[in-house]
PDB file of all heavy atoms in Angstrom:
ATOM      1  N   GLU A   1       0.796  -1.146  -0.004  1.00  0.00           N
ATOM      2  CA  GLU A   1      -0.014   0.064   0.067  1.00  0.00           C
ATOM      3  C   GLU A   1       0.923   1.258   0.061  1.00  0.00           C
ATOM      4  O   GLU A   1       1.851   1.326   0.783  1.00  0.00           O
ATOM      5  CB  GLU A   1      -0.913  -0.018   1.312  1.00  0.00           C
ATOM      6  CG  GLU A   1      -1.922  -1.203   1.289  1.00  0.00           C
ATOM      7  CD  GLU A   1      -2.818  -0.958   2.535  1.00  0.00           C
ATOM      8  OE1 GLU A   1      -2.711   0.067   3.230  1.00  0.00           O
ATOM      9  OE2 GLU A   1      -3.659  -1.932   2.621  1.00  0.00           O
ATOM     10  N   ARG A   2       0.569   2.184  -0.864  1.00  0.00           N
ATOM     11  CA  ARG A   2       1.234   3.415  -0.936  1.00  0.00           C
ATOM     12  C   ARG A   2       0.989   4.266   0.346  1.00  0.00           C
ATOM     13  O   ARG A   2      -0.176   4.323   0.832  1.00  0.00           O
ATOM     14  CB  ARG A   2       0.799   4.190  -2.096  1.00  0.00           C
ATOM     15  CG  ARG A   2       1.553   5.551  -2.467  1.00  0.00           C
ATOM     16  CD  ARG A   2       1.098   6.183  -3.631  1.00  0.00           C
ATOM     17  NE  ARG A   2      -0.303   6.586  -3.488  1.00  0.00           N
ATOM     18  CZ  ARG A   2      -0.640   7.829  -2.831  1.00  0.00           C
ATOM     19  NH1 ARG A   2       0.295   8.554  -2.296  1.00  0.00           N
ATOM     20  NH2 ARG A   2      -1.856   8.091  -2.753  1.00  0.00           N
ATOM     21  N   PRO A   3       1.989   4.925   0.947  1.00  0.00           N
ATOM     22  CA  PRO A   3       1.795   5.749   2.111  1.00  0.00           C
ATOM     23  C   PRO A   3       0.916   6.963   1.762  1.00  0.00           C
ATOM     24  O   PRO A   3       1.003   7.429   0.598  1.00  0.00           O
ATOM     25  CB  PRO A   3       3.266   6.106   2.567  1.00  0.00           C
ATOM     26  CG  PRO A   3       4.046   6.011   1.273  1.00  0.00           C
ATOM     27  CD  PRO A   3       3.367   4.874   0.510  1.00  0.00           C
ATOM     28  N   ASP A   4       0.272   7.521   2.756  1.00  0.00           N
ATOM     29  CA  ASP A   4      -0.587   8.665   2.468  1.00  0.00           C
ATOM     30  C   ASP A   4       0.321   9.957   2.695  1.00  0.00           C
ATOM     31  O   ASP A   4       0.475  10.517   3.692  1.00  0.00           O
ATOM     32  CB  ASP A   4      -1.630   8.664   3.454  1.00  0.00           C
ATOM     33  CG  ASP A   4      -2.626   9.875   3.293  1.00  0.00           C
ATOM     34  OD1 ASP A   4      -2.596  10.483   2.247  1.00  0.00           O
ATOM     35  OD2 ASP A   4      -3.452  10.246   4.202  1.00  0.00           O
ATOM     36  N   THR A   5       0.920  10.304   1.523  1.00  0.00           N
ATOM     37  CA  THR A   5       1.840  11.565   1.523  1.00  0.00           C
ATOM     38  C   THR A   5       1.047  12.744   1.003  1.00  0.00           C
ATOM     39  O   THR A   5       1.630  13.855   1.099  1.00  0.00           O
ATOM     40  CB  THR A   5       3.002  11.252   0.651  1.00  0.00           C
ATOM     41  OG1 THR A   5       2.574  11.082  -0.666  1.00  0.00           O
ATOM     42  CG2 THR A   5       3.688   9.992   1.074  1.00  0.00           C
ATOM     43  N   GLU A   6      -0.110  12.659   0.518  1.00  0.00           N
ATOM     44  CA  GLU A   6      -0.863  13.736  -0.062  1.00  0.00           C
ATOM     45  C   GLU A   6      -0.162  14.364  -1.281  1.00  0.00           C
ATOM     46  O   GLU A   6      -0.348  15.544  -1.624  1.00  0.00           O
ATOM     47  CB  GLU A   6      -1.180  14.831   0.936  1.00  0.00           C
ATOM     48  CG  GLU A   6      -1.948  14.284   2.175  1.00  0.00           C
ATOM     49  CD  GLU A   6      -2.306  15.458   3.040  1.00  0.00           C
ATOM     50  OE1 GLU A   6      -1.475  15.807   3.928  1.00  0.00           O
ATOM     51  OE2 GLU A   6      -3.424  16.089   2.899  1.00  0.00           O
ATOM     52  N   LEU A   7       0.700  13.592  -1.910  1.00  0.00           N
ATOM     53  CA  LEU A   7       1.369  14.008  -3.091  1.00  0.00           C
ATOM     54  C   LEU A   7       0.989  13.285  -4.376  1.00  0.00           C
ATOM     55  O   LEU A   7       0.730  12.130  -4.325  1.00  0.00           O
ATOM     56  CB  LEU A   7       2.962  13.886  -2.910  1.00  0.00           C
ATOM     57  CG  LEU A   7       3.556  14.709  -1.819  1.00  0.00           C
ATOM     58  CD1 LEU A   7       4.957  14.313  -1.571  1.00  0.00           C
ATOM     59  CD2 LEU A   7       3.467  16.270  -2.056  1.00  0.00           C
ATOM     60  N   THR A   8       0.809  13.982  -5.480  1.00  0.00           N
ATOM     61  CA  THR A   8       0.391  13.365  -6.778  1.00  0.00           C
ATOM     62  C   THR A   8       1.164  13.890  -7.884  1.00  0.00           C
ATOM     63  O   THR A   8       1.365  15.075  -8.075  1.00  0.00           O
ATOM     64  CB  THR A   8      -1.095  13.686  -6.928  1.00  0.00           C
ATOM     65  OG1 THR A   8      -1.887  13.207  -5.887  1.00  0.00           O
ATOM     66  CG2 THR A   8      -1.627  12.988  -8.228  1.00  0.00           C
ATOM     67  N   LEU A   9       1.670  12.921  -8.565  1.00  0.00           N
ATOM     68  CA  LEU A   9       2.402  13.232  -9.870  1.00  0.00           C
ATOM     69  C   LEU A   9       1.499  13.111 -11.021  1.00  0.00           C
ATOM     70  O   LEU A   9       0.713  12.176 -11.240  1.00  0.00           O
ATOM     71  CB  LEU A   9       3.614  12.252 -10.128  1.00  0.00           C
ATOM     72  CG  LEU A   9       5.025  12.596  -9.568  1.00  0.00           C
ATOM     73  CD1 LEU A   9       5.877  11.361  -9.779  1.00  0.00           C
ATOM     74  CD2 LEU A   9       5.544  13.783 -10.234  1.00  0.00           C
ATOM     75  N   VAL A  10       1.382  14.244 -11.768  1.00  0.00           N
ATOM     76  CA  VAL A  10       0.492  14.256 -12.977  1.00  0.00           C
ATOM     77  C   VAL A  10       1.371  14.196 -14.265  1.00  0.00           C
ATOM     78  O   VAL A  10       2.211  14.997 -14.334  1.00  0.00           O
ATOM     79  CB  VAL A  10      -0.374  15.509 -12.989  1.00  0.00           C
ATOM     80  CG1 VAL A  10      -1.355  15.551 -14.258  1.00  0.00           C
ATOM     81  CG2 VAL A  10      -1.241  15.703 -11.692  1.00  0.00           C
ATOM     82  N   LEU A  11       1.117  13.164 -15.083  1.00  0.00           N
ATOM     83  CA  LEU A  11       2.027  12.883 -16.164  1.00  0.00           C
ATOM     84  C   LEU A  11       1.232  12.778 -17.553  1.00  0.00           C
ATOM     85  O   LEU A  11       0.113  12.290 -17.492  1.00  0.00           O
ATOM     86  CB  LEU A  11       2.854  11.617 -15.853  1.00  0.00           C
ATOM     87  CG  LEU A  11       3.804  11.597 -14.717  1.00  0.00           C
ATOM     88  CD1 LEU A  11       4.301  10.323 -14.483  1.00  0.00           C
ATOM     89  CD2 LEU A  11       4.827  12.662 -14.794  1.00  0.00           C
ATOM     90  N   PRO A  12       1.878  12.923 -18.623  1.00  0.00           N
ATOM     91  CA  PRO A  12       1.325  12.574 -19.855  1.00  0.00           C
ATOM     92  C   PRO A  12       1.067  11.018 -20.080  1.00  0.00           C
ATOM     93  O   PRO A  12       1.776  10.246 -19.464  1.00  0.00           O
ATOM     94  CB  PRO A  12       2.328  13.116 -20.920  1.00  0.00           C
ATOM     95  CG  PRO A  12       3.255  13.946 -20.269  1.00  0.00           C
ATOM     96  CD  PRO A  12       3.223  13.459 -18.821  1.00  0.00           C
ATOM     97  N   ARG A  13       0.086  10.742 -20.881  1.00  0.00           N
ATOM     98  CA  ARG A  13      -0.100   9.276 -21.126  1.00  0.00           C
ATOM     99  C   ARG A  13       0.943   8.679 -22.075  1.00  0.00           C
ATOM    100  O   ARG A  13       0.650   8.468 -23.224  1.00  0.00           O
ATOM    101  CB  ARG A  13      -1.578   9.145 -21.735  1.00  0.00           C
ATOM    102  CG  ARG A  13      -2.677   9.354 -20.656  1.00  0.00           C
ATOM    103  CD  ARG A  13      -4.044   9.333 -21.454  1.00  0.00           C
ATOM    104  NE  ARG A  13      -5.116   9.443 -20.475  1.00  0.00           N
ATOM    105  CZ  ARG A  13      -5.551  10.625 -20.055  1.00  0.00           C
ATOM    106  NH1 ARG A  13      -4.969  11.724 -20.451  1.00  0.00           N
ATOM    107  NH2 ARG A  13      -6.501  10.634 -19.107  1.00  0.00           N
ATOM    108  N   ASP A  14       2.092   8.474 -21.479  1.00  0.00           N
ATOM    109  CA  ASP A  14       3.243   8.091 -22.319  1.00  0.00           C
ATOM    110  C   ASP A  14       4.207   7.194 -21.497  1.00  0.00           C
ATOM    111  O   ASP A  14       4.581   7.639 -20.476  1.00  0.00           O
ATOM    112  CB  ASP A  14       3.998   9.310 -22.896  1.00  0.00           C
ATOM    113  CG  ASP A  14       5.270   9.004 -23.612  1.00  0.00           C
ATOM    114  OD1 ASP A  14       5.496   7.771 -23.912  1.00  0.00           O
ATOM    115  OD2 ASP A  14       5.994   9.920 -23.993  1.00  0.00           O
ATOM    116  N   PRO A  15       4.442   5.956 -21.872  1.00  0.00           N
ATOM    117  CA  PRO A  15       5.313   5.110 -20.978  1.00  0.00           C
ATOM    118  C   PRO A  15       6.603   5.750 -20.674  1.00  0.00           C
ATOM    119  O   PRO A  15       7.215   5.561 -19.629  1.00  0.00           O
ATOM    120  CB  PRO A  15       5.421   3.778 -21.901  1.00  0.00           C
ATOM    121  CG  PRO A  15       4.217   3.789 -22.689  1.00  0.00           C
ATOM    122  CD  PRO A  15       3.940   5.209 -23.040  1.00  0.00           C
ATOM    123  N   ALA A  16       7.223   6.501 -21.646  1.00  0.00           N
ATOM    124  CA  ALA A  16       8.570   7.148 -21.423  1.00  0.00           C
ATOM    125  C   ALA A  16       8.380   8.100 -20.270  1.00  0.00           C
ATOM    126  O   ALA A  16       9.282   8.220 -19.410  1.00  0.00           O
ATOM    127  CB  ALA A  16       8.945   7.871 -22.669  1.00  0.00           C
ATOM    128  N   ALA A  17       7.327   8.857 -20.148  1.00  0.00           N
ATOM    129  CA  ALA A  17       7.098   9.852 -19.029  1.00  0.00           C
ATOM    130  C   ALA A  17       7.049   9.043 -17.636  1.00  0.00           C
ATOM    131  O   ALA A  17       7.580   9.470 -16.664  1.00  0.00           O
ATOM    132  CB  ALA A  17       5.854  10.630 -19.250  1.00  0.00           C
ATOM    133  N   VAL A  18       6.299   7.820 -17.765  1.00  0.00           N
ATOM    134  CA  VAL A  18       6.193   7.087 -16.490  1.00  0.00           C
ATOM    135  C   VAL A  18       7.517   6.507 -16.073  1.00  0.00           C
ATOM    136  O   VAL A  18       7.889   6.472 -14.849  1.00  0.00           O
ATOM    137  CB  VAL A  18       5.126   5.968 -16.671  1.00  0.00           C
ATOM    138  CG1 VAL A  18       4.959   5.238 -15.363  1.00  0.00           C
ATOM    139  CG2 VAL A  18       3.864   6.555 -17.173  1.00  0.00           C
ATOM    140  N   PHE A  19       8.287   5.978 -16.990  1.00  0.00           N
ATOM    141  CA  PHE A  19       9.661   5.511 -16.746  1.00  0.00           C
ATOM    142  C   PHE A  19      10.534   6.626 -16.030  1.00  0.00           C
ATOM    143  O   PHE A  19      11.185   6.401 -14.982  1.00  0.00           O
ATOM    144  CB  PHE A  19      10.315   5.075 -17.996  1.00  0.00           C
ATOM    145  CG  PHE A  19      10.103   3.607 -18.317  1.00  0.00           C
ATOM    146  CD1 PHE A  19       8.777   3.074 -18.578  1.00  0.00           C
ATOM    147  CD2 PHE A  19      11.157   2.743 -18.508  1.00  0.00           C
ATOM    148  CE1 PHE A  19       8.503   1.737 -18.937  1.00  0.00           C
ATOM    149  CE2 PHE A  19      10.925   1.395 -18.832  1.00  0.00           C
ATOM    150  CZ  PHE A  19       9.658   1.007 -19.100  1.00  0.00           C
ATOM    151  N   ALA A  20      10.537   7.737 -16.633  1.00  0.00           N
ATOM    152  CA  ALA A  20      11.353   8.892 -16.118  1.00  0.00           C
ATOM    153  C   ALA A  20      10.920   9.309 -14.757  1.00  0.00           C
ATOM    154  O   ALA A  20      11.740   9.737 -13.934  1.00  0.00           O
ATOM    155  CB  ALA A  20      11.330  10.022 -17.078  1.00  0.00           C
ATOM    156  N   ALA A  21       9.683   9.246 -14.430  1.00  0.00           N
ATOM    157  CA  ALA A  21       9.090   9.634 -13.111  1.00  0.00           C
ATOM    158  C   ALA A  21       9.215   8.654 -12.065  1.00  0.00           C
ATOM    159  O   ALA A  21       8.962   8.915 -10.878  1.00  0.00           O
ATOM    160  CB  ALA A  21       7.613   9.970 -13.277  1.00  0.00           C
ATOM    161  N   THR A  22       9.604   7.445 -12.385  1.00  0.00           N
ATOM    162  CA  THR A  22       9.587   6.330 -11.395  1.00  0.00           C
ATOM    163  C   THR A  22      10.406   6.699 -10.131  1.00  0.00           C
ATOM    164  O   THR A  22       9.920   6.508  -9.007  1.00  0.00           O
ATOM    165  CB  THR A  22      10.205   5.035 -12.066  1.00  0.00           C
ATOM    166  OG1 THR A  22       9.242   4.616 -13.073  1.00  0.00           O
ATOM    167  CG2 THR A  22      10.354   3.940 -10.973  1.00  0.00           C
ATOM    168  N   PRO A  23      11.715   7.092 -10.106  1.00  0.00           N
ATOM    169  CA  PRO A  23      12.368   7.398  -8.924  1.00  0.00           C
ATOM    170  C   PRO A  23      11.715   8.488  -8.095  1.00  0.00           C
ATOM    171  O   PRO A  23      11.794   8.429  -6.788  1.00  0.00           O
ATOM    172  CB  PRO A  23      13.849   7.799  -9.341  1.00  0.00           C
ATOM    173  CG  PRO A  23      13.915   7.193 -10.775  1.00  0.00           C
ATOM    174  CD  PRO A  23      12.493   7.376 -11.288  1.00  0.00           C
ATOM    175  N   VAL A  24      11.039   9.526  -8.688  1.00  0.00           N
ATOM    176  CA  VAL A  24      10.445  10.530  -7.991  1.00  0.00           C
ATOM    177  C   VAL A  24       9.255   9.959  -7.248  1.00  0.00           C
ATOM    178  O   VAL A  24       9.001  10.290  -6.144  1.00  0.00           O
ATOM    179  CB  VAL A  24      10.000  11.706  -8.878  1.00  0.00           C
ATOM    180  CG1 VAL A  24       9.371  12.824  -8.112  1.00  0.00           C
ATOM    181  CG2 VAL A  24      11.212  12.263  -9.662  1.00  0.00           C
ATOM    182  N   ALA A  25       8.463   9.141  -7.974  1.00  0.00           N
ATOM    183  CA  ALA A  25       7.171   8.576  -7.446  1.00  0.00           C
ATOM    184  C   ALA A  25       7.592   7.778  -6.166  1.00  0.00           C
ATOM    185  O   ALA A  25       6.852   7.759  -5.130  1.00  0.00           O
ATOM    186  CB  ALA A  25       6.499   7.818  -8.403  1.00  0.00           C
ATOM    187  N   TYR A  26       8.705   6.907  -6.364  1.00  0.00           N
ATOM    188  CA  TYR A  26       9.113   6.087  -5.209  1.00  0.00           C
ATOM    189  C   TYR A  26       9.487   6.970  -3.969  1.00  0.00           C
ATOM    190  O   TYR A  26       9.106   6.693  -2.802  1.00  0.00           O
ATOM    191  CB  TYR A  26      10.251   5.196  -5.737  1.00  0.00           C
ATOM    192  CG  TYR A  26      11.091   4.629  -4.696  1.00  0.00           C
ATOM    193  CD1 TYR A  26      10.668   3.648  -3.808  1.00  0.00           C
ATOM    194  CD2 TYR A  26      12.457   4.996  -4.462  1.00  0.00           C
ATOM    195  CE1 TYR A  26      11.476   3.017  -2.849  1.00  0.00           C
ATOM    196  CE2 TYR A  26      13.262   4.404  -3.520  1.00  0.00           C
ATOM    197  CZ  TYR A  26      12.796   3.532  -2.683  1.00  0.00           C
ATOM    198  OH  TYR A  26      13.601   2.958  -1.633  1.00  0.00           O
ATOM    199  N   TYR A  27      10.459   7.842  -4.226  1.00  0.00           N
ATOM    200  CA  TYR A  27      10.978   8.553  -3.074  1.00  0.00           C
ATOM    201  C   TYR A  27      10.024   9.412  -2.356  1.00  0.00           C
ATOM    202  O   TYR A  27      10.016   9.576  -1.171  1.00  0.00           O
ATOM    203  CB  TYR A  27      12.215   9.432  -3.547  1.00  0.00           C
ATOM    204  CG  TYR A  27      12.867  10.173  -2.379  1.00  0.00           C
ATOM    205  CD1 TYR A  27      13.604   9.583  -1.451  1.00  0.00           C
ATOM    206  CD2 TYR A  27      12.695  11.597  -2.179  1.00  0.00           C
ATOM    207  CE1 TYR A  27      14.088  10.190  -0.383  1.00  0.00           C
ATOM    208  CE2 TYR A  27      13.190  12.222  -1.158  1.00  0.00           C
ATOM    209  CZ  TYR A  27      13.920  11.554  -0.230  1.00  0.00           C
ATOM    210  OH  TYR A  27      14.451  12.203   0.861  1.00  0.00           O
ATOM    211  N   LEU A  28       9.157  10.066  -3.188  1.00  0.00           N
ATOM    212  CA  LEU A  28       7.979  10.883  -2.529  1.00  0.00           C
ATOM    213  C   LEU A  28       6.883  10.108  -2.163  1.00  0.00           C
ATOM    214  O   LEU A  28       5.812  10.731  -1.512  1.00  0.00           O
ATOM    215  CB  LEU A  28       7.711  11.995  -3.452  1.00  0.00           C
ATOM    216  CG  LEU A  28       8.786  13.001  -3.869  1.00  0.00           C
ATOM    217  CD1 LEU A  28       8.316  14.126  -4.791  1.00  0.00           C
ATOM    218  CD2 LEU A  28       9.384  13.669  -2.581  1.00  0.00           C
ATOM    219  N   GLY A  29       6.775   8.765  -2.411  1.00  0.00           N
ATOM    220  CA  GLY A  29       5.584   7.959  -2.084  1.00  0.00           C
ATOM    221  C   GLY A  29       4.288   8.660  -2.790  1.00  0.00           C
ATOM    222  O   GLY A  29       3.200   8.523  -2.149  1.00  0.00           O
ATOM    223  N   ALA A  30       4.474   9.188  -3.969  1.00  0.00           N
ATOM    224  CA  ALA A  30       3.477   9.894  -4.613  1.00  0.00           C
ATOM    225  C   ALA A  30       2.447   8.966  -5.430  1.00  0.00           C
ATOM    226  O   ALA A  30       2.954   7.990  -5.982  1.00  0.00           O
ATOM    227  CB  ALA A  30       4.083  10.975  -5.580  1.00  0.00           C
ATOM    228  N   ASP A  31       1.189   9.410  -5.535  1.00  0.00           N
ATOM    229  CA  ASP A  31       0.338   8.807  -6.493  1.00  0.00           C
ATOM    230  C   ASP A  31       0.692   9.318  -7.843  1.00  0.00           C
ATOM    231  O   ASP A  31       1.381  10.330  -8.038  1.00  0.00           O
ATOM    232  CB  ASP A  31      -1.054   9.249  -6.112  1.00  0.00           C
ATOM    233  CG  ASP A  31      -2.086   8.292  -6.806  1.00  0.00           C
ATOM    234  OD1 ASP A  31      -1.742   7.353  -7.383  1.00  0.00           O
ATOM    235  OD2 ASP A  31      -3.328   8.711  -6.751  1.00  0.00           O
ATOM    236  N   VAL A  32       0.303   8.528  -8.894  1.00  0.00           N
ATOM    237  CA  VAL A  32       0.656   8.882 -10.265  1.00  0.00           C
ATOM    238  C   VAL A  32      -0.625   8.771 -11.191  1.00  0.00           C
ATOM    239  O   VAL A  32      -1.213   7.667 -11.088  1.00  0.00           O
ATOM    240  CB  VAL A  32       1.741   8.032 -10.892  1.00  0.00           C
ATOM    241  CG1 VAL A  32       2.219   8.562 -12.219  1.00  0.00           C
ATOM    242  CG2 VAL A  32       2.981   7.930  -9.867  1.00  0.00           C
ATOM    243  N   VAL A  33      -0.999   9.933 -11.799  1.00  0.00           N
ATOM    244  CA  VAL A  33      -2.220   9.880 -12.465  1.00  0.00           C
ATOM    245  C   VAL A  33      -1.970  10.664 -13.760  1.00  0.00           C
ATOM    246  O   VAL A  33      -1.034  11.448 -14.007  1.00  0.00           O
ATOM    247  CB  VAL A  33      -3.348  10.685 -11.754  1.00  0.00           C
ATOM    248  CG1 VAL A  33      -3.606  10.049 -10.328  1.00  0.00           C
ATOM    249  CG2 VAL A  33      -3.012  12.222 -11.498  1.00  0.00           C
ATOM    250  N   PRO A  34      -2.822  10.419 -14.809  1.00  0.00           N
ATOM    251  CA  PRO A  34      -2.640  11.023 -16.072  1.00  0.00           C
ATOM    252  C   PRO A  34      -3.196  12.478 -16.123  1.00  0.00           C
ATOM    253  O   PRO A  34      -4.145  12.798 -15.389  1.00  0.00           O
ATOM    254  CB  PRO A  34      -3.483  10.189 -17.070  1.00  0.00           C
ATOM    255  CG  PRO A  34      -4.479   9.518 -16.219  1.00  0.00           C
ATOM    256  CD  PRO A  34      -3.913   9.403 -14.959  1.00  0.00           C
ATOM    257  N   GLY A  35      -2.624  13.383 -16.950  1.00  0.00           N
ATOM    258  CA  GLY A  35      -3.177  14.699 -17.078  1.00  0.00           C
ATOM    259  C   GLY A  35      -2.305  15.468 -18.190  1.00  0.00           C
ATOM    260  O   GLY A  35      -1.337  14.960 -18.632  1.00  0.00           O
TER     261      GLY A  35
END
């Protein structure tokens, strides 16, 4: 379960964007959604 950090990463619908965002999502415990 993801921790409740109240942080959300908004990214384009593109696998390359998700790959590049992975370390940020992990370190910040952020949710990741399209936008």
